[in-house]
C-alpha atoms as a PDB file:
ATOM      1  CA  MET A   1      18.978   5.862 -22.199  1.00  0.00           C
ATOM      2  CA  ASN A   2      20.868   8.404 -24.316  1.00  0.00           C
ATOM      3  CA  ILE A   3      20.519  11.730 -26.114  1.00  0.00           C
ATOM      4  CA  ALA A   4      18.215  10.193 -28.729  1.00  0.00           C
ATOM      5  CA  THR A   5      15.904   8.870 -26.007  1.00  0.00           C
ATOM      6  CA  VAL A   6      15.729  12.254 -24.289  1.00  0.00           C
ATOM      7  CA  ASN A   7      15.068  13.982 -27.609  1.00  0.00           C
ATOM      8  CA  SER A   8      12.271  11.541 -28.350  1.00  0.00           C
ATOM      9  CA  SER A   9      10.658  12.131 -24.949  1.00  0.00           C
ATOM     10  CA  ILE A  10      10.427  15.916 -25.418  1.00  0.00           C
ATOM     11  CA  GLN A  11       9.037  16.019 -28.949  1.00  0.00           C
ATOM     12  CA  ILE A  12       5.533  17.001 -27.842  1.00  0.00           C
ATOM     13  CA  GLN A  13       6.824  20.037 -25.950  1.00  0.00           C
ATOM     14  CA  LYS A  14       9.214  20.976 -28.741  1.00  0.00           C
ATOM     15  CA  GLN A  15       6.424  20.877 -31.294  1.00  0.00           C
ATOM     16  CA  GLN A  16       4.224  22.998 -29.020  1.00  0.00           C
ATOM     17  CA  LEU A  17       6.983  25.596 -28.941  1.00  0.00           C
ATOM     18  CA  LEU A  18       7.817  25.502 -32.616  1.00  0.00           C
ATOM     19  CA  ASN A  19       4.129  25.771 -33.566  1.00  0.00           C
ATOM     20  CA  HIS A  20       3.162  28.254 -30.856  1.00  0.00           C
ATOM     21  CA  PRO A  21       0.630  30.885 -31.995  1.00  0.00           C
ATOM     22  CA  LEU A  22       2.866  33.621 -30.546  1.00  0.00           C
ATOM     23  CA  TYR A  23       4.962  33.793 -33.713  1.00  0.00           C
ATOM     24  CA  LYS A  24       1.984  34.893 -35.804  1.00  0.00           C
ATOM     25  CA  LYS A  25       0.940  37.488 -33.216  1.00  0.00           C
ATOM     26  CA  VAL A  26       4.075  39.639 -33.657  1.00  0.00           C
ATOM     27  CA  ASN A  27       2.649  41.803 -36.427  1.00  0.00           C
ATOM     28  CA  THR A  28       3.362  45.399 -35.386  1.00  0.00           C
ATOM     29  CA  LEU A  29       6.176  47.299 -33.740  1.00  0.00           C
ATOM     30  CA  ASP A  30       4.119  47.387 -30.530  1.00  0.00           C
ATOM     31  CA  ASP A  31       3.866  43.585 -30.674  1.00  0.00           C
ATOM     32  CA  LEU A  32       7.597  43.361 -31.215  1.00  0.00           C
ATOM     33  CA  HIS A  33       8.213  45.603 -28.212  1.00  0.00           C
ATOM     34  CA  ARG A  34       6.019  43.407 -25.973  1.00  0.00           C
ATOM     35  CA  PHE A  35       7.912  40.347 -27.166  1.00  0.00           C
ATOM     36  CA  LEU A  36      11.333  41.837 -26.475  1.00  0.00           C
ATOM     37  CA  GLU A  37      10.341  43.326 -23.112  1.00  0.00           C
ATOM     38  CA  ASN A  38       9.328  39.877 -21.851  1.00  0.00           C
ATOM     39  CA  HIS A  39      11.768  37.605 -23.671  1.00  0.00           C
ATOM     40  CA  VAL A  40      14.713  39.614 -22.316  1.00  0.00           C
ATOM     41  CA  PHE A  41      14.287  37.795 -18.977  1.00  0.00           C
ATOM     42  CA  ALA A  42      15.134  34.513 -20.702  1.00  0.00           C
ATOM     43  CA  VAL A  43      18.157  36.145 -22.335  1.00  0.00           C
ATOM     44  CA  TRP A  44      19.304  37.288 -18.905  1.00  0.00           C
ATOM     45  CA  ASP A  45      18.781  34.129 -16.835  1.00  0.00           C
ATOM     46  CA  PHE A  46      20.404  31.982 -19.516  1.00  0.00           C
ATOM     47  CA  MET A  47      23.742  33.436 -18.417  1.00  0.00           C
ATOM     48  CA  SER A  48      23.185  32.222 -14.862  1.00  0.00           C
ATOM     49  CA  LEU A  49      22.713  28.659 -16.122  1.00  0.00           C
ATOM     50  CA  LEU A  50      25.932  28.995 -18.102  1.00  0.00           C
ATOM     51  CA  LYS A  51      27.866  30.490 -15.198  1.00  0.00           C
ATOM     52  CA  ALA A  52      26.567  27.769 -12.879  1.00  0.00           C
ATOM     53  CA  LEU A  53      27.958  25.192 -15.294  1.00  0.00           C
ATOM     54  CA  GLN A  54      31.257  27.048 -15.425  1.00  0.00           C
ATOM     55  CA  ALA A  55      31.434  27.042 -11.613  1.00  0.00           C
ATOM     56  CA  LYS A  56      30.612  23.311 -11.462  1.00  0.00           C
ATOM     57  CA  LEU A  57      32.637  21.990 -14.386  1.00  0.00           C
ATOM     58  CA  THR A  58      35.704  24.235 -14.531  1.00  0.00           C
ATOM     59  CA  CYS A  59      37.887  25.710 -11.826  1.00  0.00           C
ATOM     60  CA  THR A  60      36.879  29.287 -11.016  1.00  0.00           C
ATOM     61  CA  THR A  61      38.534  29.494  -7.593  1.00  0.00           C
ATOM     62  CA  THR A  62      42.071  29.765  -6.307  1.00  0.00           C
ATOM     63  CA  PRO A  63      44.339  27.964  -5.940  1.00  0.00           C
ATOM     64  CA  TRP A  64      43.553  26.602  -9.397  1.00  0.00           C
ATOM     65  CA  THR A  65      43.406  22.879 -10.075  1.00  0.00           C
ATOM     66  CA  ALA A  66      42.651  21.089 -13.334  1.00  0.00           C
ATOM     67  CA  THR A  67      39.136  19.666 -13.464  1.00  0.00           C
ATOM     68  CA  SER A  68      38.631  16.036 -14.442  1.00  0.00           C
ATOM     69  CA  ASN A  69      37.222  16.456 -17.958  1.00  0.00           C
ATOM     70  CA  PRO A  70      39.240  18.705 -20.321  1.00  0.00           C
ATOM     71  CA  GLU A  71      36.642  18.375 -23.097  1.00  0.00           C
ATOM     72  CA  ILE A  72      33.804  19.676 -20.908  1.00  0.00           C
ATOM     73  CA  ARG A  73      36.133  22.369 -19.560  1.00  0.00           C
ATOM     74  CA  TYR A  74      36.825  23.534 -23.109  1.00  0.00           C
ATOM     75  CA  LEU A  75      33.147  23.380 -24.080  1.00  0.00           C
ATOM     76  CA  ILE A  76      31.995  25.550 -21.169  1.00  0.00           C
ATOM     77  CA  ASN A  77      34.770  28.105 -21.518  1.00  0.00           C
ATOM     78  CA  GLU A  78      34.194  28.318 -25.273  1.00  0.00           C
ATOM     79  CA  ILE A  79      30.479  29.034 -24.779  1.00  0.00           C
ATOM     80  CA  VAL A  80      31.196  31.536 -21.991  1.00  0.00           C
ATOM     81  CA  LEU A  81      33.635  33.381 -24.248  1.00  0.00           C
ATOM     82  CA  ALA A  82      31.035  33.748 -27.001  1.00  0.00           C
ATOM     83  CA  GLU A  83      28.079  34.533 -24.748  1.00  0.00           C
ATOM     84  CA  GLU A  84      29.824  36.916 -22.338  1.00  0.00           C
ATOM     85  CA  SER A  85      32.168  38.802 -24.677  1.00  0.00           C
ATOM     86  CA  ASP A  86      31.160  38.347 -28.316  1.00  0.00           C
ATOM     87  CA  LEU A  87      31.719  40.881 -31.074  1.00  0.00           C
ATOM     88  CA  SER A  88      28.778  43.246 -31.487  1.00  0.00           C
ATOM     89  CA  ILE A  89      27.571  44.482 -34.863  1.00  0.00           C
ATOM     90  CA  ASP A  90      29.950  47.463 -34.602  1.00  0.00           C
ATOM     91  CA  GLY A  91      32.954  45.464 -33.398  1.00  0.00           C
ATOM     92  CA  ARG A  92      32.727  46.050 -29.638  1.00  0.00           C
ATOM     93  CA  ARG A  93      33.001  43.269 -27.066  1.00  0.00           C
ATOM     94  CA  LEU A  94      29.621  42.756 -25.389  1.00  0.00           C
ATOM     95  CA  SER A  95      27.669  39.969 -23.761  1.00  0.00           C
ATOM     96  CA  HIS A  96      24.671  38.747 -25.742  1.00  0.00           C
ATOM     97  CA  PHE A  97      22.446  40.177 -22.988  1.00  0.00           C
ATOM     98  CA  GLU A  98      23.998  43.614 -23.494  1.00  0.00           C
ATOM     99  CA  MET A  99      23.545  43.260 -27.258  1.00  0.00           C
ATOM    100  CA  TYR A 100      19.902  42.428 -26.694  1.00  0.00           C
ATOM    101  CA  ILE A 101      19.381  45.455 -24.449  1.00  0.00           C
ATOM    102  CA  GLU A 102      20.940  47.739 -27.075  1.00  0.00           C
ATOM    103  CA  ALA A 103      18.774  46.168 -29.784  1.00  0.00           C
ATOM    104  CA  MET A 104      15.690  46.817 -27.647  1.00  0.00           C
ATOM    105  CA  GLN A 105      16.632  50.438 -27.140  1.00  0.00           C
ATOM    106  CA  ASP A 106      17.369  50.929 -30.836  1.00  0.00           C
ATOM    107  CA  CYS A 107      13.936  49.730 -31.927  1.00  0.00           C
ATOM    108  CA  GLY A 108      12.027  51.623 -29.226  1.00  0.00           C
ATOM    109  CA  ALA A 109      11.304  48.798 -26.758  1.00  0.00           C
ATOM    110  CA  GLN A 110      11.365  49.649 -23.044  1.00  0.00           C
ATOM    111  CA  THR A 111      13.979  48.203 -20.681  1.00  0.00           C
ATOM    112  CA  ILE A 112      12.267  49.512 -17.535  1.00  0.00           C
ATOM    113  CA  ALA A 113      10.999  46.111 -16.351  1.00  0.00           C
ATOM    114  CA  ILE A 114      14.308  44.260 -16.683  1.00  0.00           C
ATOM    115  CA  ASP A 115      16.247  47.233 -15.244  1.00  0.00           C
ATOM    116  CA  ARG A 116      13.949  47.419 -12.222  1.00  0.00           C
ATOM    117  CA  PHE A 117      14.116  43.661 -11.690  1.00  0.00           C
ATOM    118  CA  LEU A 118      17.925  43.632 -11.765  1.00  0.00           C
ATOM    119  CA  GLU A 119      17.961  46.484  -9.250  1.00  0.00           C
ATOM    120  CA  GLU A 120      15.740  44.371  -6.980  1.00  0.00           C
ATOM    121  CA  VAL A 121      18.011  41.341  -7.408  1.00  0.00           C
ATOM    122  CA  HIS A 122      20.915  43.498  -6.262  1.00  0.00           C
ATOM    123  CA  SER A 123      18.903  45.066  -3.441  1.00  0.00           C
ATOM    124  CA  PHE A 124      17.424  41.882  -1.967  1.00  0.00           C
ATOM    125  CA  GLN A 125      20.577  39.797  -2.483  1.00  0.00           C
ATOM    126  CA  ASN A 126      18.239  36.821  -2.893  1.00  0.00           C
ATOM    127  CA  ILE A 127      17.003  35.861  -6.338  1.00  0.00           C
ATOM    128  CA  PHE A 128      13.941  34.013  -5.058  1.00  0.00           C
ATOM    129  CA  VAL A 129      12.782  36.979  -2.979  1.00  0.00           C
ATOM    130  CA  ALA A 130      13.342  39.287  -5.957  1.00  0.00           C
ATOM    131  CA  ILE A 131      11.257  37.022  -8.205  1.00  0.00           C
ATOM    132  CA  LYS A 132       8.447  36.692  -5.662  1.00  0.00           C
ATOM    133  CA  LYS A 133       8.215  40.431  -4.944  1.00  0.00           C
ATOM    134  CA  SER A 134       8.427  41.490  -8.586  1.00  0.00           C
ATOM    135  CA  ASN A 135       5.439  42.636 -10.634  1.00  0.00           C
ATOM    136  CA  LEU A 136       6.258  40.240 -13.453  1.00  0.00           C
ATOM    137  CA  HIS A 137       3.677  37.996 -15.117  1.00  0.00           C
ATOM    138  CA  PRO A 138       3.201  34.774 -13.073  1.00  0.00           C
ATOM    139  CA  ASN A 139       4.513  32.689 -15.974  1.00  0.00           C
ATOM    140  CA  ILE A 140       7.707  34.753 -16.131  1.00  0.00           C
ATOM    141  CA  LYS A 141       8.111  34.350 -12.381  1.00  0.00           C
ATOM    142  CA  ALA A 142       7.661  30.585 -12.753  1.00  0.00           C
ATOM    143  CA  PHE A 143      10.175  30.538 -15.604  1.00  0.00           C
ATOM    144  CA  LEU A 144      12.822  32.371 -13.568  1.00  0.00           C
ATOM    145  CA  ASP A 145      12.083  30.438 -10.377  1.00  0.00           C
ATOM    146  CA  PHE A 146      12.576  27.131 -12.210  1.00  0.00           C
ATOM    147  CA  THR A 147      15.934  28.258 -13.587  1.00  0.00           C
ATOM    148  CA  PHE A 148      17.313  29.221 -10.204  1.00  0.00           C
ATOM    149  CA  ARG A 149      15.841  26.173  -8.417  1.00  0.00           C
ATOM    150  CA  VAL A 150      17.765  23.959 -10.847  1.00  0.00           C
ATOM    151  CA  ILE A 151      20.895  26.010 -10.216  1.00  0.00           C
ATOM    152  CA  GLU A 152      20.394  25.863  -6.441  1.00  0.00           C
ATOM    153  CA  GLU A 153      19.959  22.072  -6.526  1.00  0.00           C
ATOM    154  CA  GLY A 154      23.436  22.060  -7.991  1.00  0.00           C
ATOM    155  CA  LYS A 155      23.461  18.860 -10.050  1.00  0.00           C
ATOM    156  CA  PRO A 156      25.630  19.533 -13.111  1.00  0.00           C
ATOM    157  CA  HIS A 157      23.714  17.171 -15.401  1.00  0.00           C
ATOM    158  CA  GLU A 158      20.382  18.812 -14.472  1.00  0.00           C
ATOM    159  CA  ILE A 159      21.766  22.331 -15.005  1.00  0.00           C
ATOM    160  CA  ALA A 160      23.176  21.120 -18.323  1.00  0.00           C
ATOM    161  CA  ALA A 161      19.765  19.671 -19.253  1.00  0.00           C
ATOM    162  CA  ALA A 162      17.979  22.985 -18.614  1.00  0.00           C
ATOM    163  CA  PHE A 163      20.733  24.760 -20.531  1.00  0.00           C
ATOM    164  CA  THR A 164      20.818  22.355 -23.473  1.00  0.00           C
ATOM    165  CA  PHE A 165      17.271  21.161 -24.078  1.00  0.00           C
ATOM    166  CA  GLY A 166      15.486  24.178 -22.636  1.00  0.00           C
ATOM    167  CA  ARG A 167      17.652  26.745 -24.414  1.00  0.00           C
ATOM    168  CA  GLU A 168      20.539  25.923 -26.748  1.00  0.00           C
ATOM    169  CA  ASP A 169      18.830  23.096 -28.615  1.00  0.00           C
ATOM    170  CA  LEU A 170      15.736  25.206 -29.312  1.00  0.00           C
ATOM    171  CA  ILE A 171      17.215  28.585 -30.109  1.00  0.00           C
ATOM    172  CA  PRO A 172      18.094  28.030 -33.799  1.00  0.00           C
ATOM    173  CA  SER A 173      14.603  26.813 -34.739  1.00  0.00           C
ATOM    174  CA  MET A 174      12.713  29.350 -32.641  1.00  0.00           C
ATOM    175  CA  PHE A 175      14.803  32.333 -33.643  1.00  0.00           C
ATOM    176  CA  THR A 176      14.744  31.399 -37.325  1.00  0.00           C
ATOM    177  CA  GLU A 177      10.939  31.455 -37.186  1.00  0.00           C
ATOM    178  CA  ILE A 178      10.882  34.774 -35.345  1.00  0.00           C
ATOM    179  CA  LEU A 179      13.439  36.249 -37.729  1.00  0.00           C
ATOM    180  CA  ARG A 180      11.296  35.351 -40.743  1.00  0.00           C
ATOM    181  CA  ASN A 181       8.338  37.176 -39.242  1.00  0.00           C
ATOM    182  CA  PHE A 182      10.429  40.246 -38.410  1.00  0.00           C
ATOM    183  CA  GLN A 183      11.809  40.487 -41.931  1.00  0.00           C
ATOM    184  CA  ALA A 184       8.337  40.135 -43.434  1.00  0.00           C
ATOM    185  CA  ASN A 185       6.553  42.517 -41.080  1.00  0.00           C
ATOM    186  CA  PHE A 186       9.130  45.275 -40.528  1.00  0.00           C
ATOM    187  CA  PRO A 187      11.064  45.740 -43.792  1.00  0.00           C
ATOM    188  CA  ALA A 188      11.322  49.515 -43.385  1.00  0.00           C
ATOM    189  CA  SER A 189      12.367  49.533 -39.714  1.00  0.00           C
ATOM    190  CA  ASP A 190      15.948  49.686 -38.502  1.00  0.00           C
ATOM    191  CA  LEU A 191      16.236  46.378 -36.707  1.00  0.00           C
ATOM    192  CA  SER A 192      19.885  45.836 -37.607  1.00  0.00           C
ATOM    193  CA  LYS A 193      21.096  45.140 -34.066  1.00  0.00           C
ATOM    194  CA  LEU A 194      18.184  42.844 -33.356  1.00  0.00           C
ATOM    195  CA  LEU A 195      18.650  40.927 -36.591  1.00  0.00           C
ATOM    196  CA  TYR A 196      22.373  40.649 -35.883  1.00  0.00           C
ATOM    197  CA  TYR A 197      21.618  39.232 -32.428  1.00  0.00           C
ATOM    198  CA  PHE A 198      19.248  36.593 -33.827  1.00  0.00           C
ATOM    199  CA  GLU A 199      21.553  35.676 -36.700  1.00  0.00           C
ATOM    200  CA  ARG A 200      24.504  35.386 -34.345  1.00  0.00           C
ATOM    201  CA  HIS A 201      22.559  32.998 -32.121  1.00  0.00           C
ATOM    202  CA  ILE A 202      21.483  30.906 -35.088  1.00  0.00           C
ATOM    203  CA  GLU A 203      25.075  30.722 -36.296  1.00  0.00           C
ATOM    204  CA  LEU A 204      26.591  29.836 -32.915  1.00  0.00           C
ATOM    205  CA  ASP A 205      23.898  27.543 -31.557  1.00  0.00           C
ATOM    206  CA  ALA A 206      23.150  25.527 -34.682  1.00  0.00           C
ATOM    207  CA  ASP A 207      26.741  25.066 -35.803  1.00  0.00           C
ATOM    208  CA  GLU A 208      28.734  25.051 -32.564  1.00  0.00           C
ATOM    209  CA  HIS A 209      27.089  25.362 -29.157  1.00  0.00           C
ATOM    210  CA  GLY A 210      24.162  23.000 -29.768  1.00  0.00           C
ATOM    211  CA  PRO A 211      26.262  19.959 -30.744  1.00  0.00           C
ATOM    212  CA  MET A 212      28.833  20.787 -28.043  1.00  0.00           C
ATOM    213  CA  ALA A 213      26.114  20.974 -25.388  1.00  0.00           C
ATOM    214  CA  MET A 214      24.727  17.588 -26.459  1.00  0.00           C
ATOM    215  CA  LYS A 215      28.170  16.064 -26.020  1.00  0.00           C
ATOM    216  CA  MET A 216      28.386  17.638 -22.569  1.00  0.00           C
ATOM    217  CA  ILE A 217      25.144  15.907 -21.516  1.00  0.00           C
ATOM    218  CA  THR A 218      26.443  12.570 -22.771  1.00  0.00           C
ATOM    219  CA  ASP A 219      29.729  12.960 -20.926  1.00  0.00           C
ATOM    220  CA  LEU A 220      28.039  14.033 -17.681  1.00  0.00           C
ATOM    221  CA  CYS A 221      25.544  11.158 -17.661  1.00  0.00           C
ATOM    222  CA  GLY A 222      27.670   8.357 -19.082  1.00  0.00           C
ATOM    223  CA  ASP A 223      25.992   5.023 -18.257  1.00  0.00           C
ATOM    224  CA  ASN A 224      24.185   6.348 -15.183  1.00  0.00           C
ATOM    225  CA  GLN A 225      20.489   5.724 -15.904  1.00  0.00           C
ATOM    226  CA  LYS A 226      19.355   7.767 -12.890  1.00  0.00           C
ATOM    227  CA  LYS A 227      21.129  10.814 -14.285  1.00  0.00           C
ATOM    228  CA  TRP A 228      19.583  10.245 -17.715  1.00  0.00           C
ATOM    229  CA  LEU A 229      16.107  10.066 -16.156  1.00  0.00           C
ATOM    230  CA  GLU A 230      16.760  13.303 -14.267  1.00  0.00           C
ATOM    231  CA  VAL A 231      17.956  14.934 -17.489  1.00  0.00           C
ATOM    232  CA  GLN A 232      14.746  13.829 -19.179  1.00  0.00           C
ATOM    233  CA  GLU A 233      12.577  15.183 -16.348  1.00  0.00           C
ATOM    234  CA  ILE A 234      14.357  18.549 -16.207  1.00  0.00           C
ATOM    235  CA  SER A 235      14.248  18.876 -19.997  1.00  0.00           C
ATOM    236  CA  VAL A 236      10.475  18.383 -20.083  1.00  0.00           C
ATOM    237  CA  LEU A 237       9.983  20.879 -17.240  1.00  0.00           C
ATOM    238  CA  ALA A 238      12.294  23.423 -18.897  1.00  0.00           C
ATOM    239  CA  LEU A 239      10.298  23.250 -22.117  1.00  0.00           C
ATOM    240  CA  GLU A 240       7.005  23.533 -20.245  1.00  0.00           C
ATOM    241  CA  LYS A 241       8.285  26.682 -18.524  1.00  0.00           C
ATOM    242  CA  ARG A 242       9.326  28.067 -21.914  1.00  0.00           C
ATOM    243  CA  ILE A 243       5.844  27.335 -23.264  1.00  0.00           C
ATOM    244  CA  GLY A 244       4.474  29.229 -20.252  1.00  0.00           C
ATOM    245  CA  LEU A 245       6.715  32.171 -21.100  1.00  0.00           C
ATOM    246  CA  TRP A 246       5.479  32.142 -24.706  1.00  0.00           C
ATOM    247  CA  ASP A 247       1.873  31.968 -23.433  1.00  0.00           C
ATOM    248  CA  ALA A 248       2.511  35.026 -21.244  1.00  0.00           C
ATOM    249  CA  ILE A 249       3.975  37.037 -24.115  1.00  0.00           C
ATOM    250  CA  GLU A 250       1.106  36.063 -26.421  1.00  0.00           C
ATOM    251  CA  GLU A 251      -1.378  37.079 -23.722  1.00  0.00           C
ATOM    252  CA  GLN A 252       0.240  40.481 -23.256  1.00  0.00           C
ATOM    253  CA  ILE A 253       0.381  41.132 -27.005  1.00  0.00           C
ATOM    254  CA  THR A 254      -3.318  40.244 -27.293  1.00  0.00           C
ATOM    255  CA  ILE A 255      -4.301  42.490 -24.363  1.00  0.00           C
ATOM    256  CA  ASN A 256      -2.230  45.366 -25.734  1.00  0.00           C
ATOM    257  CA  ALA A 257      -3.851  44.987 -29.163  1.00  0.00           C
ATOM    258  CA  GLU A 258      -7.344  45.031 -27.618  1.00  0.00           C
ATOM    259  CA  ILE A 259      -6.540  48.152 -25.605  1.00  0.00           C
ATOM    260  CA  SER A 260      -5.123  49.892 -28.682  1.00  0.00           C
ATOM    261  CA  HIS A 261      -8.245  49.001 -30.656  1.00  0.00           C
ATOM    262  CA  ASP A 262     -10.566  50.298 -27.914  1.00  0.00           C
ATOM    263  CA  ILE A 263      -8.881  53.700 -27.625  1.00  0.00           C
ATOM    264  CA  LYS A 264      -8.771  54.434 -31.342  1.00  0.00           C
ATOM    265  CA  PRO A 265     -10.865  57.499 -32.216  1.00  0.00           C
ATOM    266  CA  SER A 266     -14.169  56.627 -33.831  1.00  0.00           C
END
């Protein structure tokens, strides 16, 4: 088994994501706000996958020692640098999560849900308790729970699978599709920070991080067929959870549109 085999095994889920009806439902600024207010949880928990890989595959403790694979060490630190302290549209150093939050605020989306959730994470000091007690959509809870279960299990190749096939490998295609819809539907709106965020992800993930992450998977699994099978299983599950997230956002956009239609003056 190899990368090509894993890619072949997840084509059904990938096609479900790339052809998801959600993309055609983002037709108004309200729709865009619902999308951002829910998708931001995936932007946030992505960093925990990355930091888990950094903790597993590089040395983040003292006294420092060199880890066994310099190429993987470079790959992880390179991605962390870009994701945690990239250049924003106005030249400041920000994480991509912080860029996303600013983009939400600029276009009028609410950050109340993600702010409240992060306060609960800090308060409970247990991510699983915070997820369970939150008022988030069940699919978003399942999405977050899956991420942190993979991290808790602690197998580097499984964390890398969720990171690579569930996130990095998909981002260019998904965000390109979303970006097209935004440009078509909101030409007069100031979405500069949001567009910059999407374009930056497309640039980094398609040209740099995607191929680097694929190499990481190959290096971590080597000739170990058990690891490859686990990578395949986690990749399928990660995509299914992403589909669930997309279903939840589509559902909320549809409900919001129905409510808006019902309260319009006759």
